[in-house]
Amino acid sequence: WGRPEILAGMPPYMGGGEMISRVTL
């Protein structure tokens, strides 16, 4: 659990499916 405002400012920890909004090359 993290304060939502803190989580919102954190970069991804792992990359892949589901954690994206839009992917281009």
PDBML (XML) file of the C-alpha atoms, coordinates in Angstrom:
<?xml version="1.0" encoding="UTF-8" ?>
<PDBx:datablock datablockName="MODEL"
   xmlns:PDBx="http://pdbml.pdb.org/schema/pdbx-v50.xsd"
   xmlns:xsi="http://www.w3.org/2001/XMLSchema-instance"
   xsi:schemaLocation="http://pdbml.pdb.org/schema/pdbx-v50.xsd pdbx-v50.xsd">
   <PDBx:atom_siteCategory>
      <PDBx:atom_site id="1">
         <PDBx:B_iso_or_equiv>0.00</PDBx:B_iso_or_equiv>
         <PDBx:Cartn_x>0.000</PDBx:Cartn_x>
         <PDBx:Cartn_y>0.000</PDBx:Cartn_y>
         <PDBx:Cartn_z>0.000</PDBx:Cartn_z>
         <PDBx:auth_asym_id>A</PDBx:auth_asym_id>
         <PDBx:auth_atom_id>CA</PDBx:auth_atom_id>
         <PDBx:auth_comp_id>TRP</PDBx:auth_comp_id>
         <PDBx:auth_seq_id>1</PDBx:auth_seq_id>
         <PDBx:group_PDB>ATOM</PDBx:group_PDB>
         <PDBx:label_alt_id xsi:nil="true" />
         <PDBx:label_asym_id>A</PDBx:label_asym_id>
         <PDBx:label_atom_id>CA</PDBx:label_atom_id>
         <PDBx:label_comp_id>TRP</PDBx:label_comp_id>
         <PDBx:label_entity_id>1</PDBx:label_entity_id>
         <PDBx:label_seq_id>1</PDBx:label_seq_id>
         <PDBx:occupancy>1.00</PDBx:occupancy>
         <PDBx:pdbx_PDB_model_num>1</PDBx:pdbx_PDB_model_num>
         <PDBx:type_symbol>C</PDBx:type_symbol>
      </PDBx:atom_site>
      <PDBx:atom_site id="2">
         <PDBx:B_iso_or_equiv>0.00</PDBx:B_iso_or_equiv>
         <PDBx:Cartn_x>1.259</PDBx:Cartn_x>
         <PDBx:Cartn_y>3.460</PDBx:Cartn_y>
         <PDBx:Cartn_z>-0.841</PDBx:Cartn_z>
         <PDBx:auth_asym_id>A</PDBx:auth_asym_id>
         <PDBx:auth_atom_id>CA</PDBx:auth_atom_id>
         <PDBx:auth_comp_id>GLY</PDBx:auth_comp_id>
         <PDBx:auth_seq_id>2</PDBx:auth_seq_id>
         <PDBx:group_PDB>ATOM</PDBx:group_PDB>
         <PDBx:label_alt_id xsi:nil="true" />
         <PDBx:label_asym_id>A</PDBx:label_asym_id>
         <PDBx:label_atom_id>CA</PDBx:label_atom_id>
         <PDBx:label_comp_id>GLY</PDBx:label_comp_id>
         <PDBx:label_entity_id>1</PDBx:label_entity_id>
         <PDBx:label_seq_id>2</PDBx:label_seq_id>
         <PDBx:occupancy>1.00</PDBx:occupancy>
         <PDBx:pdbx_PDB_model_num>1</PDBx:pdbx_PDB_model_num>
         <PDBx:type_symbol>C</PDBx:type_symbol>
      </PDBx:atom_site>
      <PDBx:atom_site id="3">
         <PDBx:B_iso_or_equiv>0.00</PDBx:B_iso_or_equiv>
         <PDBx:Cartn_x>-0.247</PDBx:Cartn_x>
         <PDBx:Cartn_y>6.892</PDBx:Cartn_y>
         <PDBx:Cartn_z>-0.647</PDBx:Cartn_z>
         <PDBx:auth_asym_id>A</PDBx:auth_asym_id>
         <PDBx:auth_atom_id>CA</PDBx:auth_atom_id>
         <PDBx:auth_comp_id>ARG</PDBx:auth_comp_id>
         <PDBx:auth_seq_id>3</PDBx:auth_seq_id>
         <PDBx:group_PDB>ATOM</PDBx:group_PDB>
         <PDBx:label_alt_id xsi:nil="true" />
         <PDBx:label_asym_id>A</PDBx:label_asym_id>
         <PDBx:label_atom_id>CA</PDBx:label_atom_id>
         <PDBx:label_comp_id>ARG</PDBx:label_comp_id>
         <PDBx:label_entity_id>1</PDBx:label_entity_id>
         <PDBx:label_seq_id>3</PDBx:label_seq_id>
         <PDBx:occupancy>1.00</PDBx:occupancy>
         <PDBx:pdbx_PDB_model_num>1</PDBx:pdbx_PDB_model_num>
         <PDBx:type_symbol>C</PDBx:type_symbol>
      </PDBx:atom_site>
      <PDBx:atom_site id="4">
         <PDBx:B_iso_or_equiv>0.00</PDBx:B_iso_or_equiv>
         <PDBx:Cartn_x>-1.845</PDBx:Cartn_x>
         <PDBx:Cartn_y>7.295</PDBx:Cartn_y>
         <PDBx:Cartn_z>-4.085</PDBx:Cartn_z>
         <PDBx:auth_asym_id>A</PDBx:auth_asym_id>
         <PDBx:auth_atom_id>CA</PDBx:auth_atom_id>
         <PDBx:auth_comp_id>PRO</PDBx:auth_comp_id>
         <PDBx:auth_seq_id>4</PDBx:auth_seq_id>
         <PDBx:group_PDB>ATOM</PDBx:group_PDB>
         <PDBx:label_alt_id xsi:nil="true" />
         <PDBx:label_asym_id>A</PDBx:label_asym_id>
         <PDBx:label_atom_id>CA</PDBx:label_atom_id>
         <PDBx:label_comp_id>PRO</PDBx:label_comp_id>
         <PDBx:label_entity_id>1</PDBx:label_entity_id>
         <PDBx:label_seq_id>4</PDBx:label_seq_id>
         <PDBx:occupancy>1.00</PDBx:occupancy>
         <PDBx:pdbx_PDB_model_num>1</PDBx:pdbx_PDB_model_num>
         <PDBx:type_symbol>C</PDBx:type_symbol>
      </PDBx:atom_site>
      <PDBx:atom_site id="5">
         <PDBx:B_iso_or_equiv>0.00</PDBx:B_iso_or_equiv>
         <PDBx:Cartn_x>-0.204</PDBx:Cartn_x>
         <PDBx:Cartn_y>10.656</PDBx:Cartn_y>
         <PDBx:Cartn_z>-4.699</PDBx:Cartn_z>
         <PDBx:auth_asym_id>A</PDBx:auth_asym_id>
         <PDBx:auth_atom_id>CA</PDBx:auth_atom_id>
         <PDBx:auth_comp_id>GLU</PDBx:auth_comp_id>
         <PDBx:auth_seq_id>5</PDBx:auth_seq_id>
         <PDBx:group_PDB>ATOM</PDBx:group_PDB>
         <PDBx:label_alt_id xsi:nil="true" />
         <PDBx:label_asym_id>A</PDBx:label_asym_id>
         <PDBx:label_atom_id>CA</PDBx:label_atom_id>
         <PDBx:label_comp_id>GLU</PDBx:label_comp_id>
         <PDBx:label_entity_id>1</PDBx:label_entity_id>
         <PDBx:label_seq_id>5</PDBx:label_seq_id>
         <PDBx:occupancy>1.00</PDBx:occupancy>
         <PDBx:pdbx_PDB_model_num>1</PDBx:pdbx_PDB_model_num>
         <PDBx:type_symbol>C</PDBx:type_symbol>
      </PDBx:atom_site>
      <PDBx:atom_site id="6">
         <PDBx:B_iso_or_equiv>0.00</PDBx:B_iso_or_equiv>
         <PDBx:Cartn_x>3.223</PDBx:Cartn_x>
         <PDBx:Cartn_y>9.109</PDBx:Cartn_y>
         <PDBx:Cartn_z>-4.045</PDBx:Cartn_z>
         <PDBx:auth_asym_id>A</PDBx:auth_asym_id>
         <PDBx:auth_atom_id>CA</PDBx:auth_atom_id>
         <PDBx:auth_comp_id>ILE</PDBx:auth_comp_id>
         <PDBx:auth_seq_id>6</PDBx:auth_seq_id>
         <PDBx:group_PDB>ATOM</PDBx:group_PDB>
         <PDBx:label_alt_id xsi:nil="true" />
         <PDBx:label_asym_id>A</PDBx:label_asym_id>
         <PDBx:label_atom_id>CA</PDBx:label_atom_id>
         <PDBx:label_comp_id>ILE</PDBx:label_comp_id>
         <PDBx:label_entity_id>1</PDBx:label_entity_id>
         <PDBx:label_seq_id>6</PDBx:label_seq_id>
         <PDBx:occupancy>1.00</PDBx:occupancy>
         <PDBx:pdbx_PDB_model_num>1</PDBx:pdbx_PDB_model_num>
         <PDBx:type_symbol>C</PDBx:type_symbol>
      </PDBx:atom_site>
      <PDBx:atom_site id="7">
         <PDBx:B_iso_or_equiv>0.00</PDBx:B_iso_or_equiv>
         <PDBx:Cartn_x>2.561</PDBx:Cartn_x>
         <PDBx:Cartn_y>6.059</PDBx:Cartn_y>
         <PDBx:Cartn_z>-6.217</PDBx:Cartn_z>
         <PDBx:auth_asym_id>A</PDBx:auth_asym_id>
         <PDBx:auth_atom_id>CA</PDBx:auth_atom_id>
         <PDBx:auth_comp_id>LEU</PDBx:auth_comp_id>
         <PDBx:auth_seq_id>7</PDBx:auth_seq_id>
         <PDBx:group_PDB>ATOM</PDBx:group_PDB>
         <PDBx:label_alt_id xsi:nil="true" />
         <PDBx:label_asym_id>A</PDBx:label_asym_id>
         <PDBx:label_atom_id>CA</PDBx:label_atom_id>
         <PDBx:label_comp_id>LEU</PDBx:label_comp_id>
         <PDBx:label_entity_id>1</PDBx:label_entity_id>
         <PDBx:label_seq_id>7</PDBx:label_seq_id>
         <PDBx:occupancy>1.00</PDBx:occupancy>
         <PDBx:pdbx_PDB_model_num>1</PDBx:pdbx_PDB_model_num>
         <PDBx:type_symbol>C</PDBx:type_symbol>
      </PDBx:atom_site>
      <PDBx:atom_site id="8">
         <PDBx:B_iso_or_equiv>0.00</PDBx:B_iso_or_equiv>
         <PDBx:Cartn_x>1.399</PDBx:Cartn_x>
         <PDBx:Cartn_y>8.362</PDBx:Cartn_y>
         <PDBx:Cartn_z>-9.031</PDBx:Cartn_z>
         <PDBx:auth_asym_id>A</PDBx:auth_asym_id>
         <PDBx:auth_atom_id>CA</PDBx:auth_atom_id>
         <PDBx:auth_comp_id>ALA</PDBx:auth_comp_id>
         <PDBx:auth_seq_id>8</PDBx:auth_seq_id>
         <PDBx:group_PDB>ATOM</PDBx:group_PDB>
         <PDBx:label_alt_id xsi:nil="true" />
         <PDBx:label_asym_id>A</PDBx:label_asym_id>
         <PDBx:label_atom_id>CA</PDBx:label_atom_id>
         <PDBx:label_comp_id>ALA</PDBx:label_comp_id>
         <PDBx:label_entity_id>1</PDBx:label_entity_id>
         <PDBx:label_seq_id>8</PDBx:label_seq_id>
         <PDBx:occupancy>1.00</PDBx:occupancy>
         <PDBx:pdbx_PDB_model_num>1</PDBx:pdbx_PDB_model_num>
         <PDBx:type_symbol>C</PDBx:type_symbol>
      </PDBx:atom_site>
      <PDBx:atom_site id="9">
         <PDBx:B_iso_or_equiv>0.00</PDBx:B_iso_or_equiv>
         <PDBx:Cartn_x>4.822</PDBx:Cartn_x>
         <PDBx:Cartn_y>9.989</PDBx:Cartn_y>
         <PDBx:Cartn_z>-9.136</PDBx:Cartn_z>
         <PDBx:auth_asym_id>A</PDBx:auth_asym_id>
         <PDBx:auth_atom_id>CA</PDBx:auth_atom_id>
         <PDBx:auth_comp_id>GLY</PDBx:auth_comp_id>
         <PDBx:auth_seq_id>9</PDBx:auth_seq_id>
         <PDBx:group_PDB>ATOM</PDBx:group_PDB>
         <PDBx:label_alt_id xsi:nil="true" />
         <PDBx:label_asym_id>A</PDBx:label_asym_id>
         <PDBx:label_atom_id>CA</PDBx:label_atom_id>
         <PDBx:label_comp_id>GLY</PDBx:label_comp_id>
         <PDBx:label_entity_id>1</PDBx:label_entity_id>
         <PDBx:label_seq_id>9</PDBx:label_seq_id>
         <PDBx:occupancy>1.00</PDBx:occupancy>
         <PDBx:pdbx_PDB_model_num>1</PDBx:pdbx_PDB_model_num>
         <PDBx:type_symbol>C</PDBx:type_symbol>
      </PDBx:atom_site>
      <PDBx:atom_site id="10">
         <PDBx:B_iso_or_equiv>0.00</PDBx:B_iso_or_equiv>
         <PDBx:Cartn_x>6.810</PDBx:Cartn_x>
         <PDBx:Cartn_y>6.736</PDBx:Cartn_y>
         <PDBx:Cartn_z>-9.162</PDBx:Cartn_z>
         <PDBx:auth_asym_id>A</PDBx:auth_asym_id>
         <PDBx:auth_atom_id>CA</PDBx:auth_atom_id>
         <PDBx:auth_comp_id>MET</PDBx:auth_comp_id>
         <PDBx:auth_seq_id>10</PDBx:auth_seq_id>
         <PDBx:group_PDB>ATOM</PDBx:group_PDB>
         <PDBx:label_alt_id xsi:nil="true" />
         <PDBx:label_asym_id>A</PDBx:label_asym_id>
         <PDBx:label_atom_id>CA</PDBx:label_atom_id>
         <PDBx:label_comp_id>MET</PDBx:label_comp_id>
         <PDBx:label_entity_id>1</PDBx:label_entity_id>
         <PDBx:label_seq_id>10</PDBx:label_seq_id>
         <PDBx:occupancy>1.00</PDBx:occupancy>
         <PDBx:pdbx_PDB_model_num>1</PDBx:pdbx_PDB_model_num>
         <PDBx:type_symbol>C</PDBx:type_symbol>
      </PDBx:atom_site>
      <PDBx:atom_site id="11">
         <PDBx:B_iso_or_equiv>0.00</PDBx:B_iso_or_equiv>
         <PDBx:Cartn_x>8.243</PDBx:Cartn_x>
         <PDBx:Cartn_y>5.226</PDBx:Cartn_y>
         <PDBx:Cartn_z>-12.376</PDBx:Cartn_z>
         <PDBx:auth_asym_id>A</PDBx:auth_asym_id>
         <PDBx:auth_atom_id>CA</PDBx:auth_atom_id>
         <PDBx:auth_comp_id>PRO</PDBx:auth_comp_id>
         <PDBx:auth_seq_id>11</PDBx:auth_seq_id>
         <PDBx:group_PDB>ATOM</PDBx:group_PDB>
         <PDBx:label_alt_id xsi:nil="true" />
         <PDBx:label_asym_id>A</PDBx:label_asym_id>
         <PDBx:label_atom_id>CA</PDBx:label_atom_id>
         <PDBx:label_comp_id>PRO</PDBx:label_comp_id>
         <PDBx:label_entity_id>1</PDBx:label_entity_id>
         <PDBx:label_seq_id>11</PDBx:label_seq_id>
         <PDBx:occupancy>1.00</PDBx:occupancy>
         <PDBx:pdbx_PDB_model_num>1</PDBx:pdbx_PDB_model_num>
         <PDBx:type_symbol>C</PDBx:type_symbol>
      </PDBx:atom_site>
      <PDBx:atom_site id="12">
         <PDBx:B_iso_or_equiv>0.00</PDBx:B_iso_or_equiv>
         <PDBx:Cartn_x>7.576</PDBx:Cartn_x>
         <PDBx:Cartn_y>1.597</PDBx:Cartn_y>
         <PDBx:Cartn_z>-13.365</PDBx:Cartn_z>
         <PDBx:auth_asym_id>A</PDBx:auth_asym_id>
         <PDBx:auth_atom_id>CA</PDBx:auth_atom_id>
         <PDBx:auth_comp_id>PRO</PDBx:auth_comp_id>
         <PDBx:auth_seq_id>12</PDBx:auth_seq_id>
         <PDBx:group_PDB>ATOM</PDBx:group_PDB>
         <PDBx:label_alt_id xsi:nil="true" />
         <PDBx:label_asym_id>A</PDBx:label_asym_id>
         <PDBx:label_atom_id>CA</PDBx:label_atom_id>
         <PDBx:label_comp_id>PRO</PDBx:label_comp_id>
         <PDBx:label_entity_id>1</PDBx:label_entity_id>
         <PDBx:label_seq_id>12</PDBx:label_seq_id>
         <PDBx:occupancy>1.00</PDBx:occupancy>
         <PDBx:pdbx_PDB_model_num>1</PDBx:pdbx_PDB_model_num>
         <PDBx:type_symbol>C</PDBx:type_symbol>
      </PDBx:atom_site>
      <PDBx:atom_site id="13">
         <PDBx:B_iso_or_equiv>0.00</PDBx:B_iso_or_equiv>
         <PDBx:Cartn_x>9.466</PDBx:Cartn_x>
         <PDBx:Cartn_y>-1.149</PDBx:Cartn_y>
         <PDBx:Cartn_z>-11.584</PDBx:Cartn_z>
         <PDBx:auth_asym_id>A</PDBx:auth_asym_id>
         <PDBx:auth_atom_id>CA</PDBx:auth_atom_id>
         <PDBx:auth_comp_id>TYR</PDBx:auth_comp_id>
         <PDBx:auth_seq_id>13</PDBx:auth_seq_id>
         <PDBx:group_PDB>ATOM</PDBx:group_PDB>
         <PDBx:label_alt_id xsi:nil="true" />
         <PDBx:label_asym_id>A</PDBx:label_asym_id>
         <PDBx:label_atom_id>CA</PDBx:label_atom_id>
         <PDBx:label_comp_id>TYR</PDBx:label_comp_id>
         <PDBx:label_entity_id>1</PDBx:label_entity_id>
         <PDBx:label_seq_id>13</PDBx:label_seq_id>
         <PDBx:occupancy>1.00</PDBx:occupancy>
         <PDBx:pdbx_PDB_model_num>1</PDBx:pdbx_PDB_model_num>
         <PDBx:type_symbol>C</PDBx:type_symbol>
      </PDBx:atom_site>
      <PDBx:atom_site id="14">
         <PDBx:B_iso_or_equiv>0.00</PDBx:B_iso_or_equiv>
         <PDBx:Cartn_x>9.090</PDBx:Cartn_x>
         <PDBx:Cartn_y>-3.723</PDBx:Cartn_y>
         <PDBx:Cartn_z>-14.386</PDBx:Cartn_z>
         <PDBx:auth_asym_id>A</PDBx:auth_asym_id>
         <PDBx:auth_atom_id>CA</PDBx:auth_atom_id>
         <PDBx:auth_comp_id>MET</PDBx:auth_comp_id>
         <PDBx:auth_seq_id>14</PDBx:auth_seq_id>
         <PDBx:group_PDB>ATOM</PDBx:group_PDB>
         <PDBx:label_alt_id xsi:nil="true" />
         <PDBx:label_asym_id>A</PDBx:label_asym_id>
         <PDBx:label_atom_id>CA</PDBx:label_atom_id>
         <PDBx:label_comp_id>MET</PDBx:label_comp_id>
         <PDBx:label_entity_id>1</PDBx:label_entity_id>
         <PDBx:label_seq_id>14</PDBx:label_seq_id>
         <PDBx:occupancy>1.00</PDBx:occupancy>
         <PDBx:pdbx_PDB_model_num>1</PDBx:pdbx_PDB_model_num>
         <PDBx:type_symbol>C</PDBx:type_symbol>
      </PDBx:atom_site>
      <PDBx:atom_site id="15">
         <PDBx:B_iso_or_equiv>0.00</PDBx:B_iso_or_equiv>
         <PDBx:Cartn_x>8.083</PDBx:Cartn_x>
         <PDBx:Cartn_y>-3.348</PDBx:Cartn_y>
         <PDBx:Cartn_z>-18.019</PDBx:Cartn_z>
         <PDBx:auth_asym_id>A</PDBx:auth_asym_id>
         <PDBx:auth_atom_id>CA</PDBx:auth_atom_id>
         <PDBx:auth_comp_id>GLY</PDBx:auth_comp_id>
         <PDBx:auth_seq_id>15</PDBx:auth_seq_id>
         <PDBx:group_PDB>ATOM</PDBx:group_PDB>
         <PDBx:label_alt_id xsi:nil="true" />
         <PDBx:label_asym_id>A</PDBx:label_asym_id>
         <PDBx:label_atom_id>CA</PDBx:label_atom_id>
         <PDBx:label_comp_id>GLY</PDBx:label_comp_id>
         <PDBx:label_entity_id>1</PDBx:label_entity_id>
         <PDBx:label_seq_id>15</PDBx:label_seq_id>
         <PDBx:occupancy>1.00</PDBx:occupancy>
         <PDBx:pdbx_PDB_model_num>1</PDBx:pdbx_PDB_model_num>
         <PDBx:type_symbol>C</PDBx:type_symbol>
      </PDBx:atom_site>
      <PDBx:atom_site id="16">
         <PDBx:B_iso_or_equiv>0.00</PDBx:B_iso_or_equiv>
         <PDBx:Cartn_x>5.643</PDBx:Cartn_x>
         <PDBx:Cartn_y>-5.448</PDBx:Cartn_y>
         <PDBx:Cartn_z>-20.021</PDBx:Cartn_z>
         <PDBx:auth_asym_id>A</PDBx:auth_asym_id>
         <PDBx:auth_atom_id>CA</PDBx:auth_atom_id>
         <PDBx:auth_comp_id>GLY</PDBx:auth_comp_id>
         <PDBx:auth_seq_id>16</PDBx:auth_seq_id>
         <PDBx:group_PDB>ATOM</PDBx:group_PDB>
         <PDBx:label_alt_id xsi:nil="true" />
         <PDBx:label_asym_id>A</PDBx:label_asym_id>
         <PDBx:label_atom_id>CA</PDBx:label_atom_id>
         <PDBx:label_comp_id>GLY</PDBx:label_comp_id>
         <PDBx:label_entity_id>1</PDBx:label_entity_id>
         <PDBx:label_seq_id>16</PDBx:label_seq_id>
         <PDBx:occupancy>1.00</PDBx:occupancy>
         <PDBx:pdbx_PDB_model_num>1</PDBx:pdbx_PDB_model_num>
         <PDBx:type_symbol>C</PDBx:type_symbol>
      </PDBx:atom_site>
      <PDBx:atom_site id="17">
         <PDBx:B_iso_or_equiv>0.00</PDBx:B_iso_or_equiv>
         <PDBx:Cartn_x>1.966</PDBx:Cartn_x>
         <PDBx:Cartn_y>-5.983</PDBx:Cartn_y>
         <PDBx:Cartn_z>-20.588</PDBx:Cartn_z>
         <PDBx:auth_asym_id>A</PDBx:auth_asym_id>
         <PDBx:auth_atom_id>CA</PDBx:auth_atom_id>
         <PDBx:auth_comp_id>GLY</PDBx:auth_comp_id>
         <PDBx:auth_seq_id>17</PDBx:auth_seq_id>
         <PDBx:group_PDB>ATOM</PDBx:group_PDB>
         <PDBx:label_alt_id xsi:nil="true" />
         <PDBx:label_asym_id>A</PDBx:label_asym_id>
         <PDBx:label_atom_id>CA</PDBx:label_atom_id>
         <PDBx:label_comp_id>GLY</PDBx:label_comp_id>
         <PDBx:label_entity_id>1</PDBx:label_entity_id>
         <PDBx:label_seq_id>17</PDBx:label_seq_id>
         <PDBx:occupancy>1.00</PDBx:occupancy>
         <PDBx:pdbx_PDB_model_num>1</PDBx:pdbx_PDB_model_num>
         <PDBx:type_symbol>C</PDBx:type_symbol>
      </PDBx:atom_site>
      <PDBx:atom_site id="18">
         <PDBx:B_iso_or_equiv>0.00</PDBx:B_iso_or_equiv>
         <PDBx:Cartn_x>-0.739</PDBx:Cartn_x>
         <PDBx:Cartn_y>-4.301</PDBx:Cartn_y>
         <PDBx:Cartn_z>-18.514</PDBx:Cartn_z>
         <PDBx:auth_asym_id>A</PDBx:auth_asym_id>
         <PDBx:auth_atom_id>CA</PDBx:auth_atom_id>
         <PDBx:auth_comp_id>GLU</PDBx:auth_comp_id>
         <PDBx:auth_seq_id>18</PDBx:auth_seq_id>
         <PDBx:group_PDB>ATOM</PDBx:group_PDB>
         <PDBx:label_alt_id xsi:nil="true" />
         <PDBx:label_asym_id>A</PDBx:label_asym_id>
         <PDBx:label_atom_id>CA</PDBx:label_atom_id>
         <PDBx:label_comp_id>GLU</PDBx:label_comp_id>
         <PDBx:label_entity_id>1</PDBx:label_entity_id>
         <PDBx:label_seq_id>18</PDBx:label_seq_id>
         <PDBx:occupancy>1.00</PDBx:occupancy>
         <PDBx:pdbx_PDB_model_num>1</PDBx:pdbx_PDB_model_num>
         <PDBx:type_symbol>C</PDBx:type_symbol>
      </PDBx:atom_site>
      <PDBx:atom_site id="19">
         <PDBx:B_iso_or_equiv>0.00</PDBx:B_iso_or_equiv>
         <PDBx:Cartn_x>1.514</PDBx:Cartn_x>
         <PDBx:Cartn_y>-1.589</PDBx:Cartn_y>
         <PDBx:Cartn_z>-17.085</PDBx:Cartn_z>
         <PDBx:auth_asym_id>A</PDBx:auth_asym_id>
         <PDBx:auth_atom_id>CA</PDBx:auth_atom_id>
         <PDBx:auth_comp_id>MET</PDBx:auth_comp_id>
         <PDBx:auth_seq_id>19</PDBx:auth_seq_id>
         <PDBx:group_PDB>ATOM</PDBx:group_PDB>
         <PDBx:label_alt_id xsi:nil="true" />
         <PDBx:label_asym_id>A</PDBx:label_asym_id>
         <PDBx:label_atom_id>CA</PDBx:label_atom_id>
         <PDBx:label_comp_id>MET</PDBx:label_comp_id>
         <PDBx:label_entity_id>1</PDBx:label_entity_id>
         <PDBx:label_seq_id>19</PDBx:label_seq_id>
         <PDBx:occupancy>1.00</PDBx:occupancy>
         <PDBx:pdbx_PDB_model_num>1</PDBx:pdbx_PDB_model_num>
         <PDBx:type_symbol>C</PDBx:type_symbol>
      </PDBx:atom_site>
      <PDBx:atom_site id="20">
         <PDBx:B_iso_or_equiv>0.00</PDBx:B_iso_or_equiv>
         <PDBx:Cartn_x>1.333</PDBx:Cartn_x>
         <PDBx:Cartn_y>0.506</PDBx:Cartn_y>
         <PDBx:Cartn_z>-20.229</PDBx:Cartn_z>
         <PDBx:auth_asym_id>A</PDBx:auth_asym_id>
         <PDBx:auth_atom_id>CA</PDBx:auth_atom_id>
         <PDBx:auth_comp_id>ILE</PDBx:auth_comp_id>
         <PDBx:auth_seq_id>20</PDBx:auth_seq_id>
         <PDBx:group_PDB>ATOM</PDBx:group_PDB>
         <PDBx:label_alt_id xsi:nil="true" />
         <PDBx:label_asym_id>A</PDBx:label_asym_id>
         <PDBx:label_atom_id>CA</PDBx:label_atom_id>
         <PDBx:label_comp_id>ILE</PDBx:label_comp_id>
         <PDBx:label_entity_id>1</PDBx:label_entity_id>
         <PDBx:label_seq_id>20</PDBx:label_seq_id>
         <PDBx:occupancy>1.00</PDBx:occupancy>
         <PDBx:pdbx_PDB_model_num>1</PDBx:pdbx_PDB_model_num>
         <PDBx:type_symbol>C</PDBx:type_symbol>
      </PDBx:atom_site>
      <PDBx:atom_site id="21">
         <PDBx:B_iso_or_equiv>0.00</PDBx:B_iso_or_equiv>
         <PDBx:Cartn_x>-1.006</PDBx:Cartn_x>
         <PDBx:Cartn_y>3.111</PDBx:Cartn_y>
         <PDBx:Cartn_z>-21.668</PDBx:Cartn_z>
         <PDBx:auth_asym_id>A</PDBx:auth_asym_id>
         <PDBx:auth_atom_id>CA</PDBx:auth_atom_id>
         <PDBx:auth_comp_id>SER</PDBx:auth_comp_id>
         <PDBx:auth_seq_id>21</PDBx:auth_seq_id>
         <PDBx:group_PDB>ATOM</PDBx:group_PDB>
         <PDBx:label_alt_id xsi:nil="true" />
         <PDBx:label_asym_id>A</PDBx:label_asym_id>
         <PDBx:label_atom_id>CA</PDBx:label_atom_id>
         <PDBx:label_comp_id>SER</PDBx:label_comp_id>
         <PDBx:label_entity_id>1</PDBx:label_entity_id>
         <PDBx:label_seq_id>21</PDBx:label_seq_id>
         <PDBx:occupancy>1.00</PDBx:occupancy>
         <PDBx:pdbx_PDB_model_num>1</PDBx:pdbx_PDB_model_num>
         <PDBx:type_symbol>C</PDBx:type_symbol>
      </PDBx:atom_site>
      <PDBx:atom_site id="22">
         <PDBx:B_iso_or_equiv>0.00</PDBx:B_iso_or_equiv>
         <PDBx:Cartn_x>0.446</PDBx:Cartn_x>
         <PDBx:Cartn_y>3.208</PDBx:Cartn_y>
         <PDBx:Cartn_z>-25.179</PDBx:Cartn_z>
         <PDBx:auth_asym_id>A</PDBx:auth_asym_id>
         <PDBx:auth_atom_id>CA</PDBx:auth_atom_id>
         <PDBx:auth_comp_id>ARG</PDBx:auth_comp_id>
         <PDBx:auth_seq_id>22</PDBx:auth_seq_id>
         <PDBx:group_PDB>ATOM</PDBx:group_PDB>
         <PDBx:label_alt_id xsi:nil="true" />
         <PDBx:label_asym_id>A</PDBx:label_asym_id>
         <PDBx:label_atom_id>CA</PDBx:label_atom_id>
         <PDBx:label_comp_id>ARG</PDBx:label_comp_id>
         <PDBx:label_entity_id>1</PDBx:label_entity_id>
         <PDBx:label_seq_id>22</PDBx:label_seq_id>
         <PDBx:occupancy>1.00</PDBx:occupancy>
         <PDBx:pdbx_PDB_model_num>1</PDBx:pdbx_PDB_model_num>
         <PDBx:type_symbol>C</PDBx:type_symbol>
      </PDBx:atom_site>
      <PDBx:atom_site id="23">
         <PDBx:B_iso_or_equiv>0.00</PDBx:B_iso_or_equiv>
         <PDBx:Cartn_x>3.521</PDBx:Cartn_x>
         <PDBx:Cartn_y>1.624</PDBx:Cartn_y>
         <PDBx:Cartn_z>-26.747</PDBx:Cartn_z>
         <PDBx:auth_asym_id>A</PDBx:auth_asym_id>
         <PDBx:auth_atom_id>CA</PDBx:auth_atom_id>
         <PDBx:auth_comp_id>VAL</PDBx:auth_comp_id>
         <PDBx:auth_seq_id>23</PDBx:auth_seq_id>
         <PDBx:group_PDB>ATOM</PDBx:group_PDB>
         <PDBx:label_alt_id xsi:nil="true" />
         <PDBx:label_asym_id>A</PDBx:label_asym_id>
         <PDBx:label_atom_id>CA</PDBx:label_atom_id>
         <PDBx:label_comp_id>VAL</PDBx:label_comp_id>
         <PDBx:label_entity_id>1</PDBx:label_entity_id>
         <PDBx:label_seq_id>23</PDBx:label_seq_id>
         <PDBx:occupancy>1.00</PDBx:occupancy>
         <PDBx:pdbx_PDB_model_num>1</PDBx:pdbx_PDB_model_num>
         <PDBx:type_symbol>C</PDBx:type_symbol>
      </PDBx:atom_site>
      <PDBx:atom_site id="24">
         <PDBx:B_iso_or_equiv>0.00</PDBx:B_iso_or_equiv>
         <PDBx:Cartn_x>5.297</PDBx:Cartn_x>
         <PDBx:Cartn_y>2.728</PDBx:Cartn_y>
         <PDBx:Cartn_z>-29.913</PDBx:Cartn_z>
         <PDBx:auth_asym_id>A</PDBx:auth_asym_id>
         <PDBx:auth_atom_id>CA</PDBx:auth_atom_id>
         <PDBx:auth_comp_id>THR</PDBx:auth_comp_id>
         <PDBx:auth_seq_id>24</PDBx:auth_seq_id>
         <PDBx:group_PDB>ATOM</PDBx:group_PDB>
         <PDBx:label_alt_id xsi:nil="true" />
         <PDBx:label_asym_id>A</PDBx:label_asym_id>
         <PDBx:label_atom_id>CA</PDBx:label_atom_id>
         <PDBx:label_comp_id>THR</PDBx:label_comp_id>
         <PDBx:label_entity_id>1</PDBx:label_entity_id>
         <PDBx:label_seq_id>24</PDBx:label_seq_id>
         <PDBx:occupancy>1.00</PDBx:occupancy>
         <PDBx:pdbx_PDB_model_num>1</PDBx:pdbx_PDB_model_num>
         <PDBx:type_symbol>C</PDBx:type_symbol>
      </PDBx:atom_site>
      <PDBx:atom_site id="25">
         <PDBx:B_iso_or_equiv>0.00</PDBx:B_iso_or_equiv>
         <PDBx:Cartn_x>8.767</PDBx:Cartn_x>
         <PDBx:Cartn_y>1.915</PDBx:Cartn_y>
         <PDBx:Cartn_z>-31.146</PDBx:Cartn_z>
         <PDBx:auth_asym_id>A</PDBx:auth_asym_id>
         <PDBx:auth_atom_id>CA</PDBx:auth_atom_id>
         <PDBx:auth_comp_id>LEU</PDBx:auth_comp_id>
         <PDBx:auth_seq_id>25</PDBx:auth_seq_id>
         <PDBx:group_PDB>ATOM</PDBx:group_PDB>
         <PDBx:label_alt_id xsi:nil="true" />
         <PDBx:label_asym_id>A</PDBx:label_asym_id>
         <PDBx:label_atom_id>CA</PDBx:label_atom_id>
         <PDBx:label_comp_id>LEU</PDBx:label_comp_id>
         <PDBx:label_entity_id>1</PDBx:label_entity_id>
         <PDBx:label_seq_id>25</PDBx:label_seq_id>
         <PDBx:occupancy>1.00</PDBx:occupancy>
         <PDBx:pdbx_PDB_model_num>1</PDBx:pdbx_PDB_model_num>
         <PDBx:type_symbol>C</PDBx:type_symbol>
      </PDBx:atom_site>
   </PDBx:atom_siteCategory>
</PDBx:datablock>
